[in-house]
Amino acid sequence: MPSTERNGIRYFSCCLCGDIFRGFGNNPDPIKDEEGKPFDEDEECCDSCNNTKVMPERFKQLDL
């Protein structure tokens, strides 16, 4: 996952929206990249994308 460090704090780039975040990322599965392929296992998404894109898709796949 692309990252940079400033003042001793590591920042990452969200694989879904490209925003910069710090701390722990989230697994973007089941969201796919632009080519319809799963993201590499080292790619992570920000909390916002996890809440608005990833989790709703996971709930849809539960087929309750």
N, C-alpha and C. Protein backbone atom coordinates (compact mmCIF):
# COMPACT_ATOMS: atom_id res chain seq x y z
N MET A 1 0.85 -1.17 0.00
CA MET A 1 0.00 0.00 0.00
C MET A 1 0.90 1.23 0.00
N PRO A 2 0.62 2.18 -0.87
CA PRO A 2 1.42 3.41 -0.91
C PRO A 2 1.31 4.14 0.43
N SER A 3 2.46 4.59 0.93
CA SER A 3 2.45 5.34 2.18
C SER A 3 3.56 6.37 2.17
N THR A 4 3.43 7.33 3.08
CA THR A 4 4.44 8.35 3.27
C THR A 4 4.50 8.65 4.75
N GLU A 5 5.62 9.18 5.19
CA GLU A 5 5.77 9.48 6.61
C GLU A 5 6.09 10.96 6.78
N ARG A 6 5.37 11.61 7.71
CA ARG A 6 5.62 13.01 8.04
C ARG A 6 5.61 13.14 9.56
N ASN A 7 6.64 13.76 10.10
CA ASN A 7 6.75 13.98 11.54
C ASN A 7 6.55 12.70 12.33
N GLY A 8 7.06 11.59 11.82
CA GLY A 8 6.97 10.32 12.51
C GLY A 8 5.64 9.61 12.42
N ILE A 9 4.70 10.16 11.62
CA ILE A 9 3.38 9.55 11.45
C ILE A 9 3.27 9.03 10.03
N ARG A 10 2.87 7.78 9.88
CA ARG A 10 2.73 7.17 8.55
C ARG A 10 1.32 7.41 8.03
N TYR A 11 1.24 7.88 6.78
CA TYR A 11 -0.02 8.15 6.11
C TYR A 11 -0.15 7.21 4.91
N PHE A 12 -1.37 6.80 4.62
CA PHE A 12 -1.64 5.86 3.54
C PHE A 12 -2.63 6.45 2.55
N SER A 13 -2.69 5.90 1.37
CA SER A 13 -3.62 6.31 0.33
C SER A 13 -4.70 5.24 0.18
N CYS A 14 -5.97 5.65 0.25
CA CYS A 14 -7.10 4.73 0.12
C CYS A 14 -7.12 4.16 -1.30
N CYS A 15 -7.28 2.85 -1.42
CA CYS A 15 -7.29 2.20 -2.74
C CYS A 15 -8.58 2.48 -3.49
N LEU A 16 -9.62 2.97 -2.84
CA LEU A 16 -10.90 3.24 -3.51
C LEU A 16 -11.05 4.70 -3.91
N CYS A 17 -10.79 5.62 -3.01
CA CYS A 17 -11.02 7.04 -3.32
C CYS A 17 -9.73 7.84 -3.47
N GLY A 18 -8.60 7.29 -3.02
CA GLY A 18 -7.33 7.99 -3.14
C GLY A 18 -7.04 8.97 -2.02
N ASP A 19 -8.00 9.17 -1.09
CA ASP A 19 -7.77 10.07 0.03
C ASP A 19 -6.65 9.54 0.92
N ILE A 20 -6.02 10.44 1.63
CA ILE A 20 -4.94 10.09 2.54
C ILE A 20 -5.54 9.87 3.93
N PHE A 21 -5.10 8.79 4.59
CA PHE A 21 -5.55 8.53 5.96
C PHE A 21 -4.39 7.99 6.77
N ARG A 22 -4.57 7.99 8.09
CA ARG A 22 -3.54 7.41 8.96
C ARG A 22 -4.21 6.39 9.88
N GLY A 23 -3.39 5.58 10.50
CA GLY A 23 -3.93 4.56 11.38
C GLY A 23 -4.11 3.25 10.63
N PHE A 24 -5.14 2.52 11.00
CA PHE A 24 -5.40 1.23 10.39
C PHE A 24 -6.34 1.39 9.21
N GLY A 25 -6.11 0.65 8.16
CA GLY A 25 -7.00 0.65 7.00
C GLY A 25 -7.99 -0.50 7.11
N ASN A 26 -8.79 -0.65 6.07
CA ASN A 26 -9.82 -1.68 6.03
C ASN A 26 -9.68 -2.51 4.77
N ASN A 27 -10.07 -3.77 4.85
CA ASN A 27 -10.06 -4.67 3.71
C ASN A 27 -11.17 -4.24 2.74
N PRO A 28 -10.85 -3.94 1.48
CA PRO A 28 -11.87 -3.47 0.54
C PRO A 28 -12.73 -4.57 -0.08
N ASP A 29 -12.45 -5.83 0.22
CA ASP A 29 -13.22 -6.93 -0.35
C ASP A 29 -14.67 -6.84 0.11
N PRO A 30 -15.64 -6.90 -0.73
CA PRO A 30 -15.70 -7.47 -2.07
C PRO A 30 -15.64 -6.46 -3.22
N ILE A 31 -15.29 -5.20 -2.93
CA ILE A 31 -15.20 -4.19 -3.98
C ILE A 31 -14.02 -4.54 -4.89
N LYS A 32 -14.20 -4.34 -6.19
CA LYS A 32 -13.17 -4.65 -7.18
C LYS A 32 -12.58 -3.36 -7.75
N ASP A 33 -11.42 -3.47 -8.39
CA ASP A 33 -10.81 -2.31 -9.02
C ASP A 33 -11.51 -1.98 -10.34
N GLU A 34 -11.01 -1.00 -11.07
CA GLU A 34 -11.64 -0.54 -12.31
C GLU A 34 -11.73 -1.64 -13.36
N GLU A 35 -10.83 -2.61 -13.30
CA GLU A 35 -10.81 -3.71 -14.27
C GLU A 35 -11.63 -4.91 -13.81
N GLY A 36 -12.28 -4.78 -12.66
CA GLY A 36 -13.10 -5.86 -12.14
C GLY A 36 -12.32 -6.92 -11.39
N LYS A 37 -11.07 -6.61 -11.05
CA LYS A 37 -10.22 -7.56 -10.33
C LYS A 37 -10.21 -7.20 -8.84
N PRO A 38 -10.04 -8.20 -7.98
CA PRO A 38 -9.90 -7.91 -6.54
C PRO A 38 -8.63 -7.10 -6.29
N PHE A 39 -8.65 -6.27 -5.28
CA PHE A 39 -7.46 -5.51 -4.90
C PHE A 39 -6.42 -6.45 -4.32
N ASP A 40 -5.15 -6.07 -4.45
CA ASP A 40 -4.07 -6.84 -3.83
C ASP A 40 -4.31 -6.90 -2.33
N GLU A 41 -3.82 -7.96 -1.70
CA GLU A 41 -4.10 -8.12 -0.27
C GLU A 41 -3.44 -7.06 0.60
N ASP A 42 -2.45 -6.33 0.07
CA ASP A 42 -1.83 -5.26 0.86
C ASP A 42 -2.53 -3.91 0.67
N GLU A 43 -3.52 -3.82 -0.20
CA GLU A 43 -4.27 -2.59 -0.40
C GLU A 43 -5.34 -2.45 0.67
N GLU A 44 -5.55 -1.23 1.14
CA GLU A 44 -6.56 -0.97 2.16
C GLU A 44 -7.33 0.28 1.82
N CYS A 45 -8.54 0.37 2.37
CA CYS A 45 -9.37 1.55 2.14
C CYS A 45 -9.56 2.32 3.44
N CYS A 46 -9.98 3.57 3.31
CA CYS A 46 -10.20 4.43 4.47
C CYS A 46 -11.52 4.05 5.15
N ASP A 47 -11.73 4.58 6.35
CA ASP A 47 -12.95 4.30 7.11
C ASP A 47 -14.19 4.78 6.37
N SER A 48 -14.11 5.92 5.70
CA SER A 48 -15.27 6.44 4.98
C SER A 48 -15.70 5.49 3.87
N CYS A 49 -14.76 5.02 3.05
CA CYS A 49 -15.11 4.08 1.98
C CYS A 49 -15.58 2.76 2.55
N ASN A 50 -15.00 2.34 3.65
CA ASN A 50 -15.43 1.10 4.28
C ASN A 50 -16.91 1.22 4.70
N ASN A 51 -17.28 2.36 5.28
CA ASN A 51 -18.66 2.55 5.76
C ASN A 51 -19.67 2.78 4.64
N THR A 52 -19.26 3.46 3.58
CA THR A 52 -20.21 3.83 2.52
C THR A 52 -20.22 2.91 1.31
N LYS A 53 -19.15 2.16 1.09
CA LYS A 53 -19.05 1.29 -0.09
C LYS A 53 -18.91 -0.19 0.25
N VAL A 54 -17.93 -0.50 1.11
CA VAL A 54 -17.60 -1.90 1.37
C VAL A 54 -18.68 -2.59 2.21
N MET A 55 -19.02 -2.02 3.35
CA MET A 55 -19.99 -2.67 4.23
C MET A 55 -21.36 -2.85 3.56
N PRO A 56 -21.90 -1.82 2.87
CA PRO A 56 -23.18 -2.05 2.18
C PRO A 56 -23.12 -3.20 1.16
N GLU A 57 -22.00 -3.32 0.46
CA GLU A 57 -21.86 -4.41 -0.52
C GLU A 57 -21.79 -5.76 0.19
N ARG A 58 -21.13 -5.81 1.31
CA ARG A 58 -21.07 -7.07 2.08
C ARG A 58 -22.46 -7.47 2.56
N PHE A 59 -23.25 -6.50 3.01
CA PHE A 59 -24.60 -6.80 3.48
C PHE A 59 -25.48 -7.28 2.32
N LYS A 60 -25.30 -6.70 1.13
CA LYS A 60 -26.06 -7.16 -0.05
C LYS A 60 -25.75 -8.62 -0.36
N GLN A 61 -24.51 -9.00 -0.19
CA GLN A 61 -24.09 -10.36 -0.51
C GLN A 61 -24.57 -11.38 0.51
N LEU A 62 -25.00 -10.93 1.69
CA LEU A 62 -25.53 -11.86 2.68
C LEU A 62 -26.85 -12.47 2.22
N ASP A 63 -27.58 -11.74 1.39
CA ASP A 63 -28.84 -12.22 0.83
C ASP A 63 -29.80 -12.71 1.92
N LEU A 64 -30.07 -11.82 2.86
CA LEU A 64 -30.98 -12.18 3.97
C LEU A 64 -32.42 -12.09 3.58
